[in-house]
Amino acid sequence: MNLLFDVKIIIRTTLPEVLYMTPRVDETRCIGCGLCVQLCPDLFMVDPRQIAIVTGVADSPESIERLEAAVDYCPVQAISL
């Protein structure tokens, strides 16, 4: 018995996964305590009105972890992703 198989080889290329998170601050909730700035000084600053503003994007595993902590520990839940 002679069997012929049509074999197709599929080559998949995997690109490096781009992982980033962009935080948002609800200005109506923010009390300007600065905890987010302490946890993520590269992502937040407190403006003259005493409200946190976003100054960057979390683009590494470490910065994403710190950002998630800022979201979890914000005393008024003013930060979202």
C-alpha atoms as a PDB file:
ATOM      1  CA  MET A   1       0.000   0.000   0.000  1.00  0.00           C
ATOM      2  CA  ASN A   2       1.484   3.321  -1.078  1.00  0.00           C
ATOM      3  CA  LEU A   3       0.130   6.412   0.649  1.00  0.00           C
ATOM      4  CA  LEU A   4       0.935   9.920  -0.422  1.00  0.00           C
ATOM      5  CA  PHE A   5       0.497  12.760   1.976  1.00  0.00           C
ATOM      6  CA  ASP A   6       0.287  16.401   1.142  1.00  0.00           C
ATOM      7  CA  VAL A   7       2.140  17.997   4.009  1.00  0.00           C
ATOM      8  CA  LYS A   8       1.928  21.722   4.546  1.00  0.00           C
ATOM      9  CA  ILE A   9       4.232  23.302   7.012  1.00  0.00           C
ATOM     10  CA  ILE A  10       2.943  26.417   8.642  1.00  0.00           C
ATOM     11  CA  ILE A  11       5.580  28.623  10.125  1.00  0.00           C
ATOM     12  CA  ARG A  12       4.304  30.985  12.761  1.00  0.00           C
ATOM     13  CA  THR A  13       6.351  33.886  13.827  1.00  0.00           C
ATOM     14  CA  THR A  14       5.625  35.336  17.181  1.00  0.00           C
ATOM     15  CA  LEU A  15       6.304  38.961  17.703  1.00  0.00           C
ATOM     16  CA  PRO A  16       7.249  40.175  21.134  1.00  0.00           C
ATOM     17  CA  GLU A  17       4.126  40.964  23.076  1.00  0.00           C
ATOM     18  CA  VAL A  18       3.706  44.670  23.567  1.00  0.00           C
ATOM     19  CA  LEU A  19       2.363  45.164  27.018  1.00  0.00           C
ATOM     20  CA  TYR A  20       1.430  48.550  28.337  1.00  0.00           C
ATOM     21  CA  MET A  21      -1.229  50.171  30.443  1.00  0.00           C
ATOM     22  CA  THR A  22      -2.445  53.728  30.365  1.00  0.00           C
ATOM     23  CA  PRO A  23      -3.938  54.957  33.630  1.00  0.00           C
ATOM     24  CA  ARG A  24      -6.758  57.452  33.927  1.00  0.00           C
ATOM     25  CA  VAL A  25      -7.498  59.707  36.876  1.00  0.00           C
ATOM     26  CA  ASP A  26     -11.034  60.759  37.728  1.00  0.00           C
ATOM     27  CA  GLU A  27     -10.463  64.404  38.669  1.00  0.00           C
ATOM     28  CA  THR A  28     -13.804  64.570  40.469  1.00  0.00           C
ATOM     29  CA  ARG A  29     -12.679  61.853  42.893  1.00  0.00           C
ATOM     30  CA  CYS A  30      -8.968  62.612  43.318  1.00  0.00           C
ATOM     31  CA  ILE A  31      -8.043  64.208  46.656  1.00  0.00           C
ATOM     32  CA  GLY A  32      -4.398  64.845  45.753  1.00  0.00           C
ATOM     33  CA  CYS A  33      -2.937  62.615  48.479  1.00  0.00           C
ATOM     34  CA  GLY A  34       0.061  61.760  46.269  1.00  0.00           C
ATOM     35  CA  LEU A  35       0.120  58.021  46.950  1.00  0.00           C
ATOM     36  CA  CYS A  36       0.087  57.322  43.211  1.00  0.00           C
ATOM     37  CA  VAL A  37       3.085  59.625  42.777  1.00  0.00           C
ATOM     38  CA  GLN A  38       4.963  57.788  45.524  1.00  0.00           C
ATOM     39  CA  LEU A  39       4.250  54.422  43.885  1.00  0.00           C
ATOM     40  CA  CYS A  40       4.696  55.537  40.259  1.00  0.00           C
ATOM     41  CA  PRO A  41       6.670  58.784  40.011  1.00  0.00           C
ATOM     42  CA  ASP A  42       7.203  58.138  36.299  1.00  0.00           C
ATOM     43  CA  LEU A  43       3.444  57.921  35.662  1.00  0.00           C
ATOM     44  CA  PHE A  44       1.827  60.553  37.895  1.00  0.00           C
ATOM     45  CA  MET A  45       2.332  64.014  39.305  1.00  0.00           C
ATOM     46  CA  VAL A  46       0.128  66.254  41.423  1.00  0.00           C
ATOM     47  CA  ASP A  47      -0.743  69.476  39.660  1.00  0.00           C
ATOM     48  CA  PRO A  48      -1.167  72.920  41.296  1.00  0.00           C
ATOM     49  CA  ARG A  49      -4.866  72.185  41.858  1.00  0.00           C
ATOM     50  CA  GLN A  50      -3.780  69.230  44.048  1.00  0.00           C
ATOM     51  CA  ILE A  51      -5.118  66.680  41.570  1.00  0.00           C
ATOM     52  CA  ALA A  52      -3.079  63.785  40.196  1.00  0.00           C
ATOM     53  CA  ILE A  53      -2.430  63.855  36.477  1.00  0.00           C
ATOM     54  CA  VAL A  54      -1.043  61.120  34.246  1.00  0.00           C
ATOM     55  CA  THR A  55       2.420  61.804  32.863  1.00  0.00           C
ATOM     56  CA  GLY A  56       3.341  58.436  31.353  1.00  0.00           C
ATOM     57  CA  VAL A  57       2.451  54.907  30.348  1.00  0.00           C
ATOM     58  CA  ALA A  58       3.326  51.711  32.212  1.00  0.00           C
ATOM     59  CA  ASP A  59       5.352  49.792  29.648  1.00  0.00           C
ATOM     60  CA  SER A  60       7.382  47.286  31.638  1.00  0.00           C
ATOM     61  CA  PRO A  61       6.352  44.468  33.964  1.00  0.00           C
ATOM     62  CA  GLU A  62       7.690  46.423  36.943  1.00  0.00           C
ATOM     63  CA  SER A  63       5.855  49.631  36.090  1.00  0.00           C
ATOM     64  CA  ILE A  64       2.647  47.700  35.401  1.00  0.00           C
ATOM     65  CA  GLU A  65       2.922  46.050  38.806  1.00  0.00           C
ATOM     66  CA  ARG A  66       3.420  49.430  40.503  1.00  0.00           C
ATOM     67  CA  LEU A  67       0.509  50.914  38.543  1.00  0.00           C
ATOM     68  CA  GLU A  68      -1.786  48.079  39.605  1.00  0.00           C
ATOM     69  CA  ALA A  69      -0.772  48.762  43.221  1.00  0.00           C
ATOM     70  CA  ALA A  70      -1.616  52.446  42.758  1.00  0.00           C
ATOM     71  CA  VAL A  71      -5.053  51.490  41.424  1.00  0.00           C
ATOM     72  CA  ASP A  72      -5.641  49.113  44.345  1.00  0.00           C
ATOM     73  CA  TYR A  73      -4.411  51.493  47.060  1.00  0.00           C
ATOM     74  CA  CYS A  74      -5.904  54.774  45.877  1.00  0.00           C
ATOM     75  CA  PRO A  75      -8.011  55.764  48.903  1.00  0.00           C
ATOM     76  CA  VAL A  76     -10.829  57.171  46.752  1.00  0.00           C
ATOM     77  CA  GLN A  77     -10.577  54.779  43.757  1.00  0.00           C
ATOM     78  CA  ALA A  78      -9.797  57.664  41.408  1.00  0.00           C
ATOM     79  CA  ILE A  79      -7.404  55.672  39.190  1.00  0.00           C
ATOM     80  CA  SER A  80      -8.587  53.284  36.498  1.00  0.00           C
ATOM     81  CA  LEU A  81      -6.947  51.416  33.652  1.00  0.00           C
END
